[in-house]
C-alpha atoms as a PDB file:
ATOM      1  CA  MET A   1      82.728 113.348  61.880  1.00  0.00           C
ATOM      2  CA  GLN A   2      86.272 112.024  61.495  1.00  0.00           C
ATOM      3  CA  LEU A   3      88.440 111.231  64.521  1.00  0.00           C
ATOM      4  CA  GLU A   4      90.814 114.109  63.732  1.00  0.00           C
ATOM      5  CA  GLN A   5      87.835 116.470  63.983  1.00  0.00           C
ATOM      6  CA  PHE A   6      86.956 115.246  67.463  1.00  0.00           C
ATOM      7  CA  ASN A   7      87.882 117.593  70.325  1.00  0.00           C
ATOM      8  CA  PHE A   8      89.183 115.563  73.275  1.00  0.00           C
ATOM      9  CA  HIS A   9      89.365 118.723  75.375  1.00  0.00           C
ATOM     10  CA  HIS A  10      85.565 118.919  75.204  1.00  0.00           C
ATOM     11  CA  LEU A  11      85.387 115.228  76.106  1.00  0.00           C
ATOM     12  CA  PHE A  12      87.624 115.790  79.136  1.00  0.00           C
ATOM     13  CA  TYR A  13      85.335 118.550  80.454  1.00  0.00           C
ATOM     14  CA  PHE A  14      82.330 116.268  79.976  1.00  0.00           C
ATOM     15  CA  TRP A  15      84.162 113.465  81.794  1.00  0.00           C
ATOM     16  CA  ARG A  16      84.898 115.586  84.849  1.00  0.00           C
ATOM     17  CA  VAL A  17      81.291 116.874  85.061  1.00  0.00           C
ATOM     18  CA  ALA A  18      79.925 113.357  84.668  1.00  0.00           C
ATOM     19  CA  LYS A  19      82.255 111.992  87.367  1.00  0.00           C
ATOM     20  CA  LEU A  20      81.612 114.836  89.818  1.00  0.00           C
ATOM     21  CA  GLY A  21      77.916 115.227  89.002  1.00  0.00           C
ATOM     22  CA  HIS A  22      77.970 119.004  89.261  1.00  0.00           C
ATOM     23  CA  LEU A  23      79.062 121.856  86.975  1.00  0.00           C
ATOM     24  CA  THR A  24      80.288 124.074  89.799  1.00  0.00           C
ATOM     25  CA  GLN A  25      82.558 121.403  91.276  1.00  0.00           C
ATOM     26  CA  ALA A  26      83.947 120.553  87.850  1.00  0.00           C
ATOM     27  CA  ALA A  27      84.623 124.227  87.114  1.00  0.00           C
ATOM     28  CA  GLU A  28      86.485 124.621  90.430  1.00  0.00           C
ATOM     29  CA  GLU A  29      88.567 121.516  89.736  1.00  0.00           C
ATOM     30  CA  LEU A  30      89.362 122.703  86.198  1.00  0.00           C
ATOM     31  CA  HIS A  31      90.128 126.271  87.357  1.00  0.00           C
ATOM     32  CA  THR A  32      87.660 127.817  84.953  1.00  0.00           C
ATOM     33  CA  SER A  33      84.149 129.258  85.005  1.00  0.00           C
ATOM     34  CA  GLN A  34      80.929 127.309  85.084  1.00  0.00           C
ATOM     35  CA  SER A  35      79.836 128.983  81.837  1.00  0.00           C
ATOM     36  CA  ALA A  36      83.057 127.870  80.117  1.00  0.00           C
ATOM     37  CA  VAL A  37      82.438 124.260  81.173  1.00  0.00           C
ATOM     38  CA  SER A  38      78.832 124.440  79.954  1.00  0.00           C
ATOM     39  CA  ALA A  39      79.992 125.833  76.613  1.00  0.00           C
ATOM     40  CA  GLN A  40      82.501 123.006  76.141  1.00  0.00           C
ATOM     41  CA  ILE A  41      79.839 120.380  76.803  1.00  0.00           C
ATOM     42  CA  ARG A  42      77.357 122.062  74.445  1.00  0.00           C
ATOM     43  CA  GLN A  43      79.995 122.013  71.706  1.00  0.00           C
ATOM     44  CA  LEU A  44      80.606 118.314  72.340  1.00  0.00           C
ATOM     45  CA  GLU A  45      76.869 117.604  72.156  1.00  0.00           C
ATOM     46  CA  ALA A  46      76.684 119.570  68.906  1.00  0.00           C
ATOM     47  CA  ARG A  47      79.533 117.532  67.444  1.00  0.00           C
ATOM     48  CA  ILE A  48      77.962 114.230  68.524  1.00  0.00           C
ATOM     49  CA  GLY A  49      74.470 115.318  67.593  1.00  0.00           C
ATOM     50  CA  GLU A  50      72.882 114.043  70.806  1.00  0.00           C
ATOM     51  CA  GLN A  51      72.254 115.314  74.313  1.00  0.00           C
ATOM     52  CA  LEU A  52      74.577 113.987  77.017  1.00  0.00           C
ATOM     53  CA  PHE A  53      72.902 115.428  80.129  1.00  0.00           C
ATOM     54  CA  ALA A  54      69.326 116.027  81.195  1.00  0.00           C
ATOM     55  CA  ARG A  55      68.368 118.323  84.094  1.00  0.00           C
ATOM     56  CA  GLU A  56      66.377 117.020  87.035  1.00  0.00           C
ATOM     57  CA  GLY A  57      65.847 120.043  89.233  1.00  0.00           C
ATOM     58  CA  ARG A  58      69.339 121.317  90.053  1.00  0.00           C
ATOM     59  CA  ARG A  59      70.965 117.991  89.203  1.00  0.00           C
ATOM     60  CA  LEU A  60      72.570 116.933  85.941  1.00  0.00           C
ATOM     61  CA  VAL A  61      71.638 113.381  84.959  1.00  0.00           C
ATOM     62  CA  LEU A  62      73.324 111.438  82.184  1.00  0.00           C
ATOM     63  CA  THR A  63      71.203 110.409  79.220  1.00  0.00           C
ATOM     64  CA  ASP A  64      71.608 106.951  77.664  1.00  0.00           C
ATOM     65  CA  THR A  65      74.061 108.458  75.175  1.00  0.00           C
ATOM     66  CA  GLY A  66      75.830 110.188  78.063  1.00  0.00           C
ATOM     67  CA  HIS A  67      76.337 106.855  79.841  1.00  0.00           C
ATOM     68  CA  LEU A  68      77.796 105.348  76.658  1.00  0.00           C
ATOM     69  CA  VAL A  69      80.159 108.284  76.105  1.00  0.00           C
ATOM     70  CA  LEU A  70      81.194 108.179  79.778  1.00  0.00           C
ATOM     71  CA  ALA A  71      82.187 104.502  79.482  1.00  0.00           C
ATOM     72  CA  TYR A  72      84.533 105.356  76.609  1.00  0.00           C
ATOM     73  CA  ALA A  73      85.838 108.468  78.370  1.00  0.00           C
ATOM     74  CA  ASP A  74      86.673 106.354  81.446  1.00  0.00           C
ATOM     75  CA  ASN A  75      88.811 104.083  79.276  1.00  0.00           C
ATOM     76  CA  ILE A  76      90.446 106.932  77.352  1.00  0.00           C
ATOM     77  CA  PHE A  77      91.419 109.054  80.345  1.00  0.00           C
ATOM     78  CA  GLY A  78      92.059 106.068  82.610  1.00  0.00           C
ATOM     79  CA  LEU A  79      94.643 104.826  80.110  1.00  0.00           C
ATOM     80  CA  GLY A  80      96.046 108.354  79.941  1.00  0.00           C
ATOM     81  CA  GLN A  81      96.561 108.373  83.708  1.00  0.00           C
ATOM     82  CA  GLU A  82      98.122 104.921  83.536  1.00  0.00           C
ATOM     83  CA  MET A  83     100.486 106.043  80.756  1.00  0.00           C
ATOM     84  CA  LEU A  84     101.672 109.055  82.772  1.00  0.00           C
ATOM     85  CA  GLY A  85     102.233 106.837  85.789  1.00  0.00           C
ATOM     86  CA  ARG A  86     104.317 104.407  83.752  1.00  0.00           C
ATOM     87  CA  LEU A  87     106.378 107.209  82.204  1.00  0.00           C
ATOM     88  CA  HIS A  88     107.132 108.755  85.579  1.00  0.00           C
ATOM     89  CA  GLY A  89     107.934 105.457  87.294  1.00  0.00           C
ATOM     90  CA  ARG A  90     104.987 105.469  89.666  1.00  0.00           C
ATOM     91  CA  SER A  91     101.488 104.116  89.831  1.00  0.00           C
ATOM     92  CA  ALA A  92      98.694 106.472  88.811  1.00  0.00           C
ATOM     93  CA  GLY A  93      95.085 105.419  88.788  1.00  0.00           C
ATOM     94  CA  ILE A  94      94.485 101.984  87.333  1.00  0.00           C
ATOM     95  CA  THR A  95      97.294  99.635  86.309  1.00  0.00           C
ATOM     96  CA  ARG A  96      96.478  97.370  83.383  1.00  0.00           C
ATOM     97  CA  LEU A  97      98.448  94.110  83.391  1.00  0.00           C
ATOM     98  CA  ARG A  98      98.271  92.081  80.176  1.00  0.00           C
ATOM     99  CA  VAL A  99      99.273  88.445  80.671  1.00  0.00           C
ATOM    100  CA  GLY A 100      99.609  85.859  77.932  1.00  0.00           C
ATOM    101  CA  SER A 101     100.159  82.161  78.580  1.00  0.00           C
ATOM    102  CA  VAL A 102     100.801  79.204  76.323  1.00  0.00           C
ATOM    103  CA  ALA A 103      97.685  77.123  75.774  1.00  0.00           C
ATOM    104  CA  THR A 104      99.275  73.995  77.261  1.00  0.00           C
ATOM    105  CA  MET A 105      99.799  75.570  80.690  1.00  0.00           C
ATOM    106  CA  SER A 106      97.586  74.765  83.647  1.00  0.00           C
ATOM    107  CA  ARG A 107      94.904  77.354  84.423  1.00  0.00           C
ATOM    108  CA  ASN A 108      95.424  76.533  88.102  1.00  0.00           C
ATOM    109  CA  TYR A 109      99.081  77.500  87.803  1.00  0.00           C
ATOM    110  CA  GLN A 110      98.173  80.783  86.145  1.00  0.00           C
ATOM    111  CA  GLU A 111      95.668  81.585  88.894  1.00  0.00           C
ATOM    112  CA  ASN A 112      98.234  80.740  91.567  1.00  0.00           C
ATOM    113  CA  TRP A 113     100.708  83.115  89.938  1.00  0.00           C
ATOM    114  CA  ILE A 114      98.353  86.099  89.599  1.00  0.00           C
ATOM    115  CA  ARG A 115      96.586  85.522  92.939  1.00  0.00           C
ATOM    116  CA  PRO A 116      98.562  88.267  94.793  1.00  0.00           C
ATOM    117  CA  VAL A 117      96.961  90.949  92.600  1.00  0.00           C
ATOM    118  CA  LEU A 118      93.404  89.599  92.448  1.00  0.00           C
ATOM    119  CA  ALA A 119      92.406  91.584  95.530  1.00  0.00           C
ATOM    120  CA  ASP A 120      94.010  94.831  94.317  1.00  0.00           C
ATOM    121  CA  PRO A 121      91.230  97.175  93.097  1.00  0.00           C
ATOM    122  CA  SER A 122      93.730  99.294  91.154  1.00  0.00           C
ATOM    123  CA  VAL A 123      94.733  96.415  88.850  1.00  0.00           C
ATOM    124  CA  VAL A 124      92.834  95.418  85.713  1.00  0.00           C
ATOM    125  CA  LEU A 125      93.947  92.069  84.296  1.00  0.00           C
ATOM    126  CA  THR A 126      93.847  90.990  80.672  1.00  0.00           C
ATOM    127  CA  LEU A 127      94.464  87.236  80.299  1.00  0.00           C
ATOM    128  CA  GLU A 128      94.832  85.424  77.005  1.00  0.00           C
ATOM    129  CA  SER A 129      96.271  82.125  75.817  1.00  0.00           C
ATOM    130  CA  GLY A 130      97.664  80.875  72.537  1.00  0.00           C
ATOM    131  CA  LEU A 131     100.708  79.442  70.814  1.00  0.00           C
ATOM    132  CA  LEU A 132     104.054  80.655  72.111  1.00  0.00           C
ATOM    133  CA  GLU A 133     105.112  82.158  68.779  1.00  0.00           C
ATOM    134  CA  GLY A 134     102.005  84.316  68.519  1.00  0.00           C
ATOM    135  CA  LEU A 135     102.214  85.444  72.143  1.00  0.00           C
ATOM    136  CA  LEU A 136     105.869  86.439  71.747  1.00  0.00           C
ATOM    137  CA  ALA A 137     104.996  88.472  68.660  1.00  0.00           C
ATOM    138  CA  ARG A 138     102.365  90.360  70.687  1.00  0.00           C
ATOM    139  CA  LEU A 139     104.892  90.850  73.507  1.00  0.00           C
ATOM    140  CA  VAL A 140     107.417  92.375  71.101  1.00  0.00           C
ATOM    141  CA  GLN A 141     104.707  94.727  69.789  1.00  0.00           C
ATOM    142  CA  HIS A 142     103.909  95.850  73.376  1.00  0.00           C
ATOM    143  CA  GLN A 143     100.445  94.268  73.199  1.00  0.00           C
ATOM    144  CA  LEU A 144     101.301  92.024  76.176  1.00  0.00           C
ATOM    145  CA  ASP A 145     103.367  92.771  79.296  1.00  0.00           C
ATOM    146  CA  VAL A 146     104.431  89.201  80.128  1.00  0.00           C
ATOM    147  CA  VAL A 147     104.123  85.723  78.662  1.00  0.00           C
ATOM    148  CA  LEU A 148     103.951  82.662  80.914  1.00  0.00           C
ATOM    149  CA  ALA A 149     105.467  79.570  79.314  1.00  0.00           C
ATOM    150  CA  ASN A 150     106.539  76.051  80.201  1.00  0.00           C
ATOM    151  CA  GLU A 151     109.581  76.183  77.943  1.00  0.00           C
ATOM    152  CA  THR A 152     112.455  78.593  77.574  1.00  0.00           C
ATOM    153  CA  ILE A 153     113.137  80.539  74.394  1.00  0.00           C
ATOM    154  CA  PRO A 154     116.273  80.741  72.225  1.00  0.00           C
ATOM    155  CA  ALA A 155     118.310  83.921  72.275  1.00  0.00           C
ATOM    156  CA  ASN A 156     117.544  86.348  69.459  1.00  0.00           C
ATOM    157  CA  PRO A 157     119.728  89.478  69.214  1.00  0.00           C
ATOM    158  CA  ASP A 158     117.229  91.079  66.821  1.00  0.00           C
ATOM    159  CA  SER A 159     114.427  90.805  69.364  1.00  0.00           C
ATOM    160  CA  PRO A 160     115.877  90.677  72.898  1.00  0.00           C
ATOM    161  CA  LEU A 161     113.546  89.094  75.429  1.00  0.00           C
ATOM    162  CA  HIS A 162     114.175  88.295  79.069  1.00  0.00           C
ATOM    163  CA  CYS A 163     113.254  84.823  80.335  1.00  0.00           C
ATOM    164  CA  SER A 164     112.843  84.522  84.134  1.00  0.00           C
ATOM    165  CA  PHE A 165     112.673  81.109  85.793  1.00  0.00           C
ATOM    166  CA  LEU A 166     109.627  80.974  88.071  1.00  0.00           C
ATOM    167  CA  GLY A 167     109.862  77.447  89.435  1.00  0.00           C
ATOM    168  CA  ARG A 168     109.346  73.780  88.731  1.00  0.00           C
ATOM    169  CA  GLN A 169     106.603  71.256  89.318  1.00  0.00           C
ATOM    170  CA  SER A 170     107.001  67.508  89.590  1.00  0.00           C
ATOM    171  CA  ILE A 171     104.940  65.427  87.177  1.00  0.00           C
ATOM    172  CA  SER A 172     102.665  62.776  88.614  1.00  0.00           C
ATOM    173  CA  LEU A 173     100.766  59.729  87.490  1.00  0.00           C
ATOM    174  CA  VAL A 174      97.260  60.139  88.915  1.00  0.00           C
ATOM    175  CA  GLY A 175      94.183  57.951  88.943  1.00  0.00           C
ATOM    176  CA  PRO A 176      90.735  57.778  90.531  1.00  0.00           C
ATOM    177  CA  ALA A 177      90.886  57.077  94.266  1.00  0.00           C
ATOM    178  CA  SER A 178      88.158  54.440  93.941  1.00  0.00           C
ATOM    179  CA  LYS A 179      90.516  52.253  91.887  1.00  0.00           C
ATOM    180  CA  TRP A 180      94.072  53.295  92.773  1.00  0.00           C
ATOM    181  CA  ALA A 181      93.959  54.437  96.405  1.00  0.00           C
ATOM    182  CA  SER A 182      96.283  51.695  97.686  1.00  0.00           C
ATOM    183  CA  GLN A 183      98.406  51.096  94.597  1.00  0.00           C
ATOM    184  CA  SER A 184     101.732  52.455  93.409  1.00  0.00           C
ATOM    185  CA  LEU A 185     103.348  52.172  89.974  1.00  0.00           C
ATOM    186  CA  ARG A 186     106.850  52.879  88.725  1.00  0.00           C
ATOM    187  CA  ILE A 187     107.256  55.277  85.804  1.00  0.00           C
ATOM    188  CA  PRO A 188     107.758  53.993  83.165  1.00  0.00           C
ATOM    189  CA  GLU A 189     108.464  50.357  84.087  1.00  0.00           C
ATOM    190  CA  ASP A 190     104.923  49.452  85.202  1.00  0.00           C
ATOM    191  CA  LEU A 191     103.018  51.256  82.457  1.00  0.00           C
ATOM    192  CA  ASP A 192     103.248  48.709  79.626  1.00  0.00           C
ATOM    193  CA  GLY A 193      99.731  48.226  78.219  1.00  0.00           C
ATOM    194  CA  VAL A 194      98.115  50.500  80.830  1.00  0.00           C
ATOM    195  CA  ASP A 195      95.293  52.804  79.690  1.00  0.00           C
ATOM    196  CA  ILE A 196      96.673  56.303  79.921  1.00  0.00           C
ATOM    197  CA  ALA A 197      95.869  59.907  78.974  1.00  0.00           C
ATOM    198  CA  LEU A 198      98.762  62.237  78.148  1.00  0.00           C
ATOM    199  CA  PRO A 199      99.433  65.896  77.346  1.00  0.00           C
ATOM    200  CA  GLY A 200      99.494  66.533  73.608  1.00  0.00           C
ATOM    201  CA  PRO A 201     102.675  66.486  71.516  1.00  0.00           C
ATOM    202  CA  ARG A 202     103.112  70.282  71.854  1.00  0.00           C
ATOM    203  CA  HIS A 203     103.436  70.054  75.639  1.00  0.00           C
ATOM    204  CA  ALA A 204     107.008  70.286  76.927  1.00  0.00           C
ATOM    205  CA  LEU A 205     106.717  67.218  79.191  1.00  0.00           C
ATOM    206  CA  ARG A 206     105.327  64.914  76.467  1.00  0.00           C
ATOM    207  CA  ALA A 207     108.757  64.503  74.851  1.00  0.00           C
ATOM    208  CA  GLN A 208     110.231  63.674  78.275  1.00  0.00           C
ATOM    209  CA  PHE A 209     107.621  60.981  78.909  1.00  0.00           C
ATOM    210  CA  ASP A 210     107.875  59.429  75.439  1.00  0.00           C
ATOM    211  CA  ALA A 211     111.673  59.267  75.737  1.00  0.00           C
ATOM    212  CA  LEU A 212     111.432  57.523  79.123  1.00  0.00           C
ATOM    213  CA  CYS A 213     109.050  54.893  77.760  1.00  0.00           C
ATOM    214  CA  ALA A 214     111.142  54.329  74.623  1.00  0.00           C
ATOM    215  CA  SER A 215     114.355  53.856  76.616  1.00  0.00           C
ATOM    216  CA  ALA A 216     112.635  51.260  78.833  1.00  0.00           C
ATOM    217  CA  GLY A 217     110.888  49.494  75.940  1.00  0.00           C
ATOM    218  CA  VAL A 218     107.487  50.243  77.493  1.00  0.00           C
ATOM    219  CA  SER A 219     104.324  50.990  75.490  1.00  0.00           C
ATOM    220  CA  PRO A 220     101.356  52.323  77.476  1.00  0.00           C
ATOM    221  CA  ARG A 221      97.951  52.125  75.773  1.00  0.00           C
ATOM    222  CA  LEU A 222      97.337  55.726  74.742  1.00  0.00           C
ATOM    223  CA  ARG A 223      93.649  56.574  75.201  1.00  0.00           C
ATOM    224  CA  ALA A 224      93.793  60.359  74.846  1.00  0.00           C
ATOM    225  CA  GLU A 225      96.290  63.128  74.161  1.00  0.00           C
ATOM    226  CA  VAL A 226      95.115  66.572  75.155  1.00  0.00           C
ATOM    227  CA  ASP A 227      96.761  69.981  74.700  1.00  0.00           C
ATOM    228  CA  ASP A 228      94.376  71.860  76.978  1.00  0.00           C
ATOM    229  CA  MET A 229      95.166  71.233  80.638  1.00  0.00           C
ATOM    230  CA  ALA A 230      91.614  72.060  81.755  1.00  0.00           C
ATOM    231  CA  MET A 231      90.299  69.265  79.513  1.00  0.00           C
ATOM    232  CA  LEU A 232      93.032  66.870  80.662  1.00  0.00           C
ATOM    233  CA  ARG A 233      91.946  67.578  84.229  1.00  0.00           C
ATOM    234  CA  LEU A 234      88.365  66.571  83.389  1.00  0.00           C
ATOM    235  CA  ILE A 235      89.561  63.383  81.711  1.00  0.00           C
ATOM    236  CA  ALA A 236      91.717  62.525  84.732  1.00  0.00           C
ATOM    237  CA  ARG A 237      88.695  63.020  86.969  1.00  0.00           C
ATOM    238  CA  ASP A 238      86.036  61.247  84.908  1.00  0.00           C
ATOM    239  CA  SER A 239      87.624  58.674  82.587  1.00  0.00           C
ATOM    240  CA  GLY A 240      88.991  56.102  85.028  1.00  0.00           C
ATOM    241  CA  TRP A 241      92.286  56.036  83.114  1.00  0.00           C
ATOM    242  CA  LEU A 242      95.643  56.941  84.542  1.00  0.00           C
ATOM    243  CA  THR A 243      96.863  60.397  83.551  1.00  0.00           C
ATOM    244  CA  VAL A 244     100.331  61.943  83.441  1.00  0.00           C
ATOM    245  CA  LEU A 245     100.250  65.639  84.323  1.00  0.00           C
ATOM    246  CA  PRO A 246     101.560  68.299  86.723  1.00  0.00           C
ATOM    247  CA  GLU A 247      99.936  68.024  90.154  1.00  0.00           C
ATOM    248  CA  VAL A 248      98.859  71.669  89.979  1.00  0.00           C
ATOM    249  CA  VAL A 249      96.387  70.774  87.223  1.00  0.00           C
ATOM    250  CA  VAL A 250      94.392  68.528  89.576  1.00  0.00           C
ATOM    251  CA  GLN A 251      95.251  70.151  92.900  1.00  0.00           C
ATOM    252  CA  ASP A 252      91.586  70.524  93.881  1.00  0.00           C
ATOM    253  CA  GLU A 253      90.737  66.900  93.051  1.00  0.00           C
ATOM    254  CA  LEU A 254      93.754  65.661  95.026  1.00  0.00           C
ATOM    255  CA  ARG A 255      92.726  67.725  98.056  1.00  0.00           C
ATOM    256  CA  ALA A 256      89.163  66.449  97.800  1.00  0.00           C
ATOM    257  CA  GLY A 257      90.330  62.833  97.593  1.00  0.00           C
ATOM    258  CA  LEU A 258      88.785  62.226  94.166  1.00  0.00           C
ATOM    259  CA  LEU A 259      92.193  61.491  92.650  1.00  0.00           C
ATOM    260  CA  VAL A 260      95.354  60.011  94.130  1.00  0.00           C
ATOM    261  CA  ILE A 261      99.003  60.057  93.085  1.00  0.00           C
ATOM    262  CA  VAL A 262      99.873  56.603  91.775  1.00  0.00           C
ATOM    263  CA  GLY A 263     103.466  57.280  90.790  1.00  0.00           C
ATOM    264  CA  GLN A 264     106.166  59.897  90.192  1.00  0.00           C
ATOM    265  CA  SER A 265     109.496  60.085  88.387  1.00  0.00           C
ATOM    266  CA  ALA A 266     112.511  62.246  89.123  1.00  0.00           C
ATOM    267  CA  HIS A 267     113.055  62.375  85.352  1.00  0.00           C
ATOM    268  CA  LEU A 268     109.786  64.205  84.693  1.00  0.00           C
ATOM    269  CA  GLU A 269     109.183  67.808  85.637  1.00  0.00           C
ATOM    270  CA  GLU A 270     107.595  70.926  84.194  1.00  0.00           C
ATOM    271  CA  ARG A 271     109.398  74.240  84.397  1.00  0.00           C
ATOM    272  CA  PHE A 272     107.695  77.619  84.394  1.00  0.00           C
ATOM    273  CA  TYR A 273     109.046  80.837  82.899  1.00  0.00           C
ATOM    274  CA  ALA A 274     107.985  84.467  82.642  1.00  0.00           C
ATOM    275  CA  ILE A 275     109.072  86.111  79.394  1.00  0.00           C
ATOM    276  CA  THR A 276     109.245  89.901  79.255  1.00  0.00           C
ATOM    277  CA  LYS A 277     110.556  92.558  76.895  1.00  0.00           C
ATOM    278  CA  PRO A 278     113.209  94.770  78.496  1.00  0.00           C
ATOM    279  CA  HIS A 279     112.125  98.405  78.695  1.00  0.00           C
ATOM    280  CA  ARG A 280     112.847 101.279  81.004  1.00  0.00           C
ATOM    281  CA  HIS A 281     109.238 101.866  82.053  1.00  0.00           C
ATOM    282  CA  ARG A 282     108.592  99.347  84.809  1.00  0.00           C
ATOM    283  CA  ILE A 283     105.205  97.942  85.767  1.00  0.00           C
ATOM    284  CA  GLU A 284     105.359  97.826  89.537  1.00  0.00           C
ATOM    285  CA  VAL A 285     102.756  95.100  89.994  1.00  0.00           C
ATOM    286  CA  LEU A 286     104.520  92.881  87.442  1.00  0.00           C
ATOM    287  CA  GLU A 287     107.850  93.388  89.177  1.00  0.00           C
ATOM    288  CA  GLN A 288     106.216  92.290  92.441  1.00  0.00           C
ATOM    289  CA  LEU A 289     104.831  89.124  90.850  1.00  0.00           C
ATOM    290  CA  LEU A 290     108.198  88.265  89.329  1.00  0.00           C
ATOM    291  CA  ALA A 291     110.037  88.909  92.601  1.00  0.00           C
ATOM    292  CA  GLY A 292     107.535  86.900  94.628  1.00  0.00           C
ATOM    293  CA  ALA A 293     107.442  83.767  92.466  1.00  0.00           C
ATOM    294  CA  PRO A 294     107.973  80.730  94.736  1.00  0.00           C
ATOM    295  CA  GLU A 295     110.514  78.051  93.878  1.00  0.00           C
ATOM    296  CA  SER A 296     107.709  75.488  93.597  1.00  0.00           C
ATOM    297  CA  PRO A 297     104.799  77.627  92.418  1.00  0.00           C
ATOM    298  CA  ALA A 298     102.184  74.916  92.396  1.00  0.00           C
ATOM    299  CA  ARG A 299     102.533  73.880  96.016  1.00  0.00           C
ATOM    300  CA  HIS A 300     100.519  76.088  98.373  1.00  0.00           C
END
């Protein structure tokens, strides 16, 4: 059977019976007769070639195939309800929020940003990371609703995107408390020859740090450069080296006293942006997140 031969009207009747668990209730909801509902489901079963319900006394019980078909029907008609809600400017059923973030961003920052919706049972989150160029392409194609980035984007009249400033985070030099608890270093003056781990060259703050060191004639001993902030966090915690990163990346280790801030520089900071594609159909939950972004998002 080809997709164009599939009758979604039959599937909708099946979906309502499966959700309500009773033919009579489904018929009343659909404003039709019980026999008409039964006929629609029999036609669907004939098309599929498998039974969707089994009778246990007066109850209808889903078969294994019925459970599988129900899972797909939930997605199909749930998205349909969501689409109608978006088109009419109101929430309807489940809201699906698709968030992309550049791979160099802290996972802690991302969690802090989406935290207001984590307790909302009507929101389903899709989270993915990647290179900024690829994420923007998916945003333009409506495959993502927002992209979180730590750099702004150039204007492009052929593909207008809106870049909202979310906040800034100071960059810190951190080290293990067992070694650095009572010490303080200047950035970059005191870093010549010091073992250090840094964000990789693709990270926005790496160019800032390298420029500071070059202007001061300072050459730290580079031990690791890491694009992924989750891995840089582990290295900061376990290596014994000093690490330059946003505090949000190691916020839990700082609170627990495993790491301490050894130095900071007013010349180093990471900025956070939310990039969206202008359209007339608003996503209410996204608007709330954008409106509620704190000036310093990493400090809670």
